[in-house]
């Protein structure tokens, strides 16, 4: 309380006080280093160069925010659903941190109006807002630390906009989403069972690997083949939405199309038939 009062007094004498107030309305506290938040909202199409010649945009903060958000949401879900199995917790977290949800949250808190995006950029990119949200979380973590960042996510995001019980019951078919992506982008996708074992209670455990044009892009573990495929697809979706990863993938694959195409209809049919 005292720190906020001091910050407000200092704010009266700042030329950029409007920017501080704008972030305060979203965060519930005043930034210490406002440059982090401004960087979090700078799309790579509007990159600026530092004195050392390095491009400054939100990609690095997005990478950090992605990891921090996973940890924080995992922490919150773990606390809220006492006694639930790992698969349930993983799926619930995934529904919250998926790009569609993050896009919506970014709009709900007003980040979409603050993103700096070049008019020459492909503004049809539907993940700009979700990526900025992750970068924003990364900025909060660097500026305020884990506890303050967790408090922001819990009180200002989840408590206001997300019904955890409802989300936990919602079914999301990540495999279908990946197949839709593969159809749209004309990419061969396959699901390979790479390991089968049993846990300490003699329950079967399956591990599946997703491959795009023969390149591994995600693994998943589950108590059924279907569950392991869903978890693998969830990981793969996150990878294929990453432009840097996709560029590396495409450059690593030969341009000749001699690789046998995998029919996505067959994948969908297999999905319906597996236990």
Protein backbone atom coordinates (compact mmCIF):
# COMPACT_ATOMS: atom_id res chain seq x y z
CA UNK A 1 0.00 0.00 0.00
CA UNK A 2 2.77 2.42 0.97
CA UNK A 3 4.76 1.55 -2.16
CA UNK A 4 1.73 2.23 -4.39
CA UNK A 5 1.22 5.61 -2.69
CA UNK A 6 4.86 6.55 -3.28
CA UNK A 7 4.61 5.37 -6.89
CA UNK A 8 1.50 7.53 -7.45
CA UNK A 9 3.29 10.61 -6.09
CA UNK A 10 6.29 10.00 -8.35
CA UNK A 11 3.93 9.45 -11.26
CA UNK A 12 2.59 13.01 -11.03
CA UNK A 13 5.96 14.33 -12.19
CA UNK A 14 6.54 11.91 -15.07
CA UNK A 15 5.98 12.89 -18.69
CA UNK A 16 4.98 9.30 -19.56
CA UNK A 17 2.42 9.01 -16.74
CA UNK A 18 -0.35 8.07 -19.19
CA UNK A 19 1.56 4.92 -20.16
CA UNK A 20 2.05 4.00 -16.50
CA UNK A 21 -1.66 4.53 -15.79
CA UNK A 22 -2.61 2.43 -18.80
CA UNK A 23 -0.56 -0.49 -17.52
CA UNK A 24 -1.74 0.07 -13.94
CA UNK A 25 -5.36 -0.46 -15.03
CA UNK A 26 -4.41 -3.84 -16.46
CA UNK A 27 -1.92 -4.96 -13.82
CA UNK A 28 -3.26 -3.50 -10.58
CA UNK A 29 0.21 -2.15 -9.78
CA UNK A 30 2.68 0.29 -11.33
CA UNK A 31 5.53 -1.14 -13.43
CA UNK A 32 9.06 -0.75 -12.12
CA UNK A 33 10.57 -1.03 -15.61
CA UNK A 34 7.93 0.08 -18.10
CA UNK A 35 10.23 -0.75 -21.00
CA UNK A 36 9.67 -4.47 -20.41
CA UNK A 37 5.92 -4.08 -20.89
CA UNK A 38 6.37 -1.92 -23.97
CA UNK A 39 8.69 -4.56 -25.43
CA UNK A 40 6.16 -7.29 -24.63
CA UNK A 41 3.65 -5.52 -26.87
CA UNK A 42 6.05 -4.91 -29.77
CA UNK A 43 5.43 -7.43 -32.56
CA UNK A 44 8.47 -8.47 -34.60
CA UNK A 45 7.03 -6.59 -37.60
CA UNK A 46 7.61 -3.39 -35.60
CA UNK A 47 11.06 -4.30 -34.28
CA UNK A 48 13.46 -1.51 -33.38
CA UNK A 49 17.24 -1.75 -33.17
CA UNK A 50 19.18 -1.22 -29.97
CA UNK A 51 22.44 0.71 -29.82
CA UNK A 52 24.23 -2.64 -30.15
CA UNK A 53 22.31 -3.41 -33.33
CA UNK A 54 20.08 -6.12 -31.83
CA UNK A 55 16.45 -6.25 -32.92
CA UNK A 56 14.05 -5.51 -30.09
CA UNK A 57 10.59 -7.13 -30.13
CA UNK A 58 8.50 -9.45 -27.96
CA UNK A 59 9.76 -12.83 -29.19
CA UNK A 60 12.22 -13.46 -26.33
CA UNK A 61 9.69 -12.35 -23.73
CA UNK A 62 7.11 -14.61 -25.37
CA UNK A 63 9.48 -17.56 -24.94
CA UNK A 64 9.96 -16.73 -21.26
CA UNK A 65 6.28 -15.97 -20.64
CA UNK A 66 5.25 -19.28 -22.21
CA UNK A 67 7.35 -21.20 -19.66
CA UNK A 68 6.28 -19.02 -16.71
CA UNK A 69 2.60 -19.23 -17.65
CA UNK A 70 2.81 -23.02 -17.87
CA UNK A 71 4.37 -23.13 -14.40
CA UNK A 72 1.89 -20.70 -12.83
CA UNK A 73 -1.23 -22.25 -14.35
CA UNK A 74 0.09 -25.69 -13.43
CA UNK A 75 0.62 -24.45 -9.86
CA UNK A 76 -2.91 -23.01 -9.67
CA UNK A 77 -4.55 -26.11 -11.17
CA UNK A 78 -2.57 -28.35 -8.81
CA UNK A 79 -3.84 -26.34 -5.81
CA UNK A 80 -7.46 -26.12 -6.99
CA UNK A 81 -7.90 -29.81 -7.91
CA UNK A 82 -6.50 -31.70 -4.95
CA UNK A 83 -6.10 -35.42 -5.56
CA UNK A 84 -6.66 -35.33 -9.32
CA UNK A 85 -4.38 -37.42 -11.53
CA UNK A 86 -1.57 -36.00 -13.65
CA UNK A 87 -3.48 -36.51 -16.91
CA UNK A 88 -6.44 -34.46 -15.66
CA UNK A 89 -4.15 -31.65 -14.44
CA UNK A 90 -2.20 -31.59 -17.71
CA UNK A 91 -5.35 -31.43 -19.84
CA UNK A 92 -6.89 -28.69 -17.70
CA UNK A 93 -3.74 -26.59 -17.89
CA UNK A 94 -3.57 -27.13 -21.65
CA UNK A 95 -7.08 -25.76 -22.17
CA UNK A 96 -6.14 -22.57 -20.32
CA UNK A 97 -2.79 -21.90 -22.01
CA UNK A 98 -3.87 -22.83 -25.56
CA UNK A 99 -3.62 -19.99 -28.09
CA UNK A 100 -7.37 -19.54 -28.57
CA UNK A 101 -7.85 -18.92 -24.84
CA UNK A 102 -4.86 -16.58 -24.61
CA UNK A 103 -6.09 -14.58 -27.61
CA UNK A 104 -9.43 -14.09 -25.92
CA UNK A 105 -7.84 -13.13 -22.60
CA UNK A 106 -5.59 -10.57 -24.30
CA UNK A 107 -8.66 -8.89 -25.77
CA UNK A 108 -10.59 -9.04 -22.49
CA UNK A 109 -7.88 -7.17 -20.59
CA UNK A 110 -7.25 -4.71 -23.43
CA UNK A 111 -3.82 -5.80 -24.64
CA UNK A 112 -5.00 -6.00 -28.26
CA UNK A 113 -5.34 -2.21 -28.40
CA UNK A 114 -1.75 -1.70 -27.21
CA UNK A 115 0.13 -4.08 -29.53
CA UNK A 116 2.54 -2.33 -31.91
CA UNK A 117 2.10 -4.07 -35.25
CA UNK A 118 3.38 -2.91 -38.63
CA UNK A 119 0.67 -2.20 -41.18
CA UNK A 120 2.79 -4.18 -43.66
CA UNK A 121 2.62 -7.23 -41.41
CA UNK A 122 0.33 -10.17 -42.00
CA UNK A 123 -2.26 -8.85 -39.57
CA UNK A 124 -4.42 -11.90 -40.29
CA UNK A 125 -2.12 -13.84 -37.95
CA UNK A 126 -4.65 -14.96 -35.37
CA UNK A 127 -2.01 -15.62 -32.69
CA UNK A 128 -0.59 -12.11 -32.34
CA UNK A 129 -2.70 -11.35 -29.25
CA UNK A 130 -2.01 -14.67 -27.56
CA UNK A 131 1.72 -14.31 -28.19
CA UNK A 132 1.64 -10.78 -26.75
CA UNK A 133 -0.19 -12.10 -23.67
CA UNK A 134 2.62 -14.61 -23.06
CA UNK A 135 5.24 -11.90 -23.55
CA UNK A 136 3.32 -9.68 -21.10
CA UNK A 137 3.48 -12.44 -18.48
CA UNK A 138 7.21 -12.69 -19.13
CA UNK A 139 7.54 -8.95 -18.54
CA UNK A 140 5.65 -9.17 -15.24
CA UNK A 141 7.91 -12.02 -14.10
CA UNK A 142 11.08 -10.07 -14.88
CA UNK A 143 9.71 -6.85 -13.40
CA UNK A 144 8.01 -8.19 -10.26
CA UNK A 145 9.05 -11.81 -9.66
CA UNK A 146 7.16 -15.11 -9.57
CA UNK A 147 4.82 -14.44 -6.62
CA UNK A 148 3.52 -11.13 -8.01
CA UNK A 149 3.18 -12.70 -11.44
CA UNK A 150 1.20 -15.65 -10.05
CA UNK A 151 -1.05 -13.26 -8.13
CA UNK A 152 -1.77 -11.34 -11.36
CA UNK A 153 -2.62 -14.52 -13.30
CA UNK A 154 -4.77 -15.92 -10.49
CA UNK A 155 -6.66 -12.79 -9.39
CA UNK A 156 -6.84 -10.69 -12.53
CA UNK A 157 -7.11 -13.43 -15.14
CA UNK A 158 -8.39 -16.77 -13.86
CA UNK A 159 -10.71 -15.50 -11.10
CA UNK A 160 -12.26 -12.92 -13.44
CA UNK A 161 -12.44 -14.68 -16.78
CA UNK A 162 -12.04 -18.46 -16.35
CA UNK A 163 -14.33 -20.94 -14.64
CA UNK A 164 -11.85 -23.68 -13.74
CA UNK A 165 -14.51 -26.29 -13.01
CA UNK A 166 -16.18 -25.65 -16.37
CA UNK A 167 -12.86 -25.67 -18.22
CA UNK A 168 -11.81 -28.94 -16.58
CA UNK A 169 -14.97 -30.64 -17.92
CA UNK A 170 -14.61 -29.28 -21.45
CA UNK A 171 -13.35 -31.78 -24.00
CA UNK A 172 -10.73 -30.51 -26.47
CA UNK A 173 -9.68 -32.81 -29.30
CA UNK A 174 -6.09 -31.76 -29.93
CA UNK A 175 -5.59 -34.54 -32.44
CA UNK A 176 -8.44 -33.24 -34.60
CA UNK A 177 -7.03 -29.74 -34.38
CA UNK A 178 -3.64 -30.99 -35.58
CA UNK A 179 -5.24 -32.90 -38.43
CA UNK A 180 -7.14 -29.76 -39.48
CA UNK A 181 -3.85 -27.87 -39.44
CA UNK A 182 -2.18 -30.56 -41.55
CA UNK A 183 -4.98 -30.41 -44.13
CA UNK A 184 -4.85 -26.62 -44.35
CA UNK A 185 -1.04 -26.55 -44.69
CA UNK A 186 -0.72 -29.71 -46.81
CA UNK A 187 1.61 -31.31 -44.26
CA UNK A 188 1.96 -35.06 -43.71
CA UNK A 189 1.22 -35.98 -40.08
CA UNK A 190 1.61 -39.38 -38.43
CA UNK A 191 1.12 -40.75 -34.90
CA UNK A 192 3.61 -43.45 -33.88
CA UNK A 193 3.36 -45.58 -30.74
CA UNK A 194 7.00 -45.65 -29.60
CA UNK A 195 6.77 -47.26 -26.16
CA UNK A 196 4.39 -49.28 -24.01
CA UNK A 197 5.03 -50.06 -20.33
CA UNK A 198 3.25 -50.37 -16.97
CA UNK A 199 3.30 -48.14 -13.90
CA UNK A 200 3.78 -49.17 -10.25
CA UNK A 201 0.13 -50.19 -10.02
CA UNK A 202 0.38 -52.35 -13.16
CA UNK A 203 -1.63 -49.89 -15.28
CA UNK A 204 -0.60 -49.80 -18.96
CA UNK A 205 1.20 -46.63 -20.10
CA UNK A 206 1.54 -45.61 -23.74
CA UNK A 207 3.94 -43.12 -25.30
CA UNK A 208 3.14 -41.66 -28.73
CA UNK A 209 5.26 -39.48 -30.98
CA UNK A 210 3.80 -37.08 -33.56
CA UNK A 211 5.77 -36.60 -36.76
CA UNK A 212 5.26 -33.88 -39.34
CA UNK A 213 6.73 -34.87 -42.71
CA UNK A 214 8.70 -37.52 -40.84
CA UNK A 215 10.19 -35.07 -38.31
CA UNK A 216 9.32 -35.63 -34.59
CA UNK A 217 7.47 -32.59 -33.21
CA UNK A 218 5.91 -33.83 -30.00
CA UNK A 219 5.57 -36.73 -27.56
CA UNK A 220 2.75 -37.64 -25.22
CA UNK A 221 2.13 -40.20 -22.50
CA UNK A 222 -1.23 -41.59 -21.39
CA UNK A 223 -3.08 -44.52 -19.87
CA UNK A 224 -4.57 -45.32 -23.28
CA UNK A 225 -3.35 -44.93 -26.86
CA UNK A 226 -5.93 -42.21 -27.42
CA UNK A 227 -4.84 -40.23 -24.36
CA UNK A 228 -1.16 -40.48 -25.36
CA UNK A 229 -2.03 -39.29 -28.88
CA UNK A 230 -4.02 -36.35 -27.51
CA UNK A 231 -1.12 -35.31 -25.27
CA UNK A 232 1.36 -35.69 -28.13
CA UNK A 233 -0.89 -33.66 -30.43
CA UNK A 234 -1.18 -30.93 -27.79
CA UNK A 235 2.62 -30.61 -27.67
CA UNK A 236 2.88 -30.74 -31.47
CA UNK A 237 0.29 -27.98 -31.93
CA UNK A 238 2.35 -25.69 -29.75
CA UNK A 239 5.40 -26.41 -31.90
CA UNK A 240 3.79 -25.95 -35.31
CA UNK A 241 2.34 -22.60 -34.24
CA UNK A 242 5.90 -21.41 -33.61
CA UNK A 243 7.11 -19.75 -36.82
CA UNK A 244 10.80 -20.16 -35.93
CA UNK A 245 10.34 -23.90 -35.37
CA UNK A 246 8.37 -24.30 -38.60
CA UNK A 247 11.01 -22.49 -40.64
CA UNK A 248 13.64 -24.82 -39.20
CA UNK A 249 11.41 -27.82 -39.93
CA UNK A 250 10.79 -26.83 -43.52
CA UNK A 251 14.46 -26.14 -44.17
CA UNK A 252 15.40 -29.56 -42.78
CA UNK A 253 13.07 -31.47 -45.09
CA UNK A 254 13.99 -32.15 -48.72
CA UNK A 255 11.96 -30.27 -51.31
CA UNK A 256 11.27 -33.39 -53.36
CA UNK A 257 7.91 -34.95 -52.56
CA UNK A 258 8.95 -38.60 -52.67
CA UNK A 259 7.90 -39.10 -49.04
CA UNK A 260 4.73 -41.17 -48.98
CA UNK A 261 1.76 -39.02 -48.00
CA UNK A 262 -0.28 -40.12 -44.97
CA UNK A 263 -4.00 -39.71 -45.54
CA UNK A 264 -5.53 -37.54 -42.85
CA UNK A 265 -8.82 -39.37 -43.31
CA UNK A 266 -7.08 -42.57 -42.17
CA UNK A 267 -5.68 -40.80 -39.11
CA UNK A 268 -9.14 -39.56 -38.16
CA UNK A 269 -10.60 -43.04 -38.64
CA UNK A 270 -7.91 -44.56 -36.43
CA UNK A 271 -8.66 -41.99 -33.76
CA UNK A 272 -12.31 -43.05 -33.63
CA UNK A 273 -11.43 -46.69 -33.26
CA UNK A 274 -8.78 -46.69 -30.56
CA UNK A 275 -9.34 -47.37 -26.88
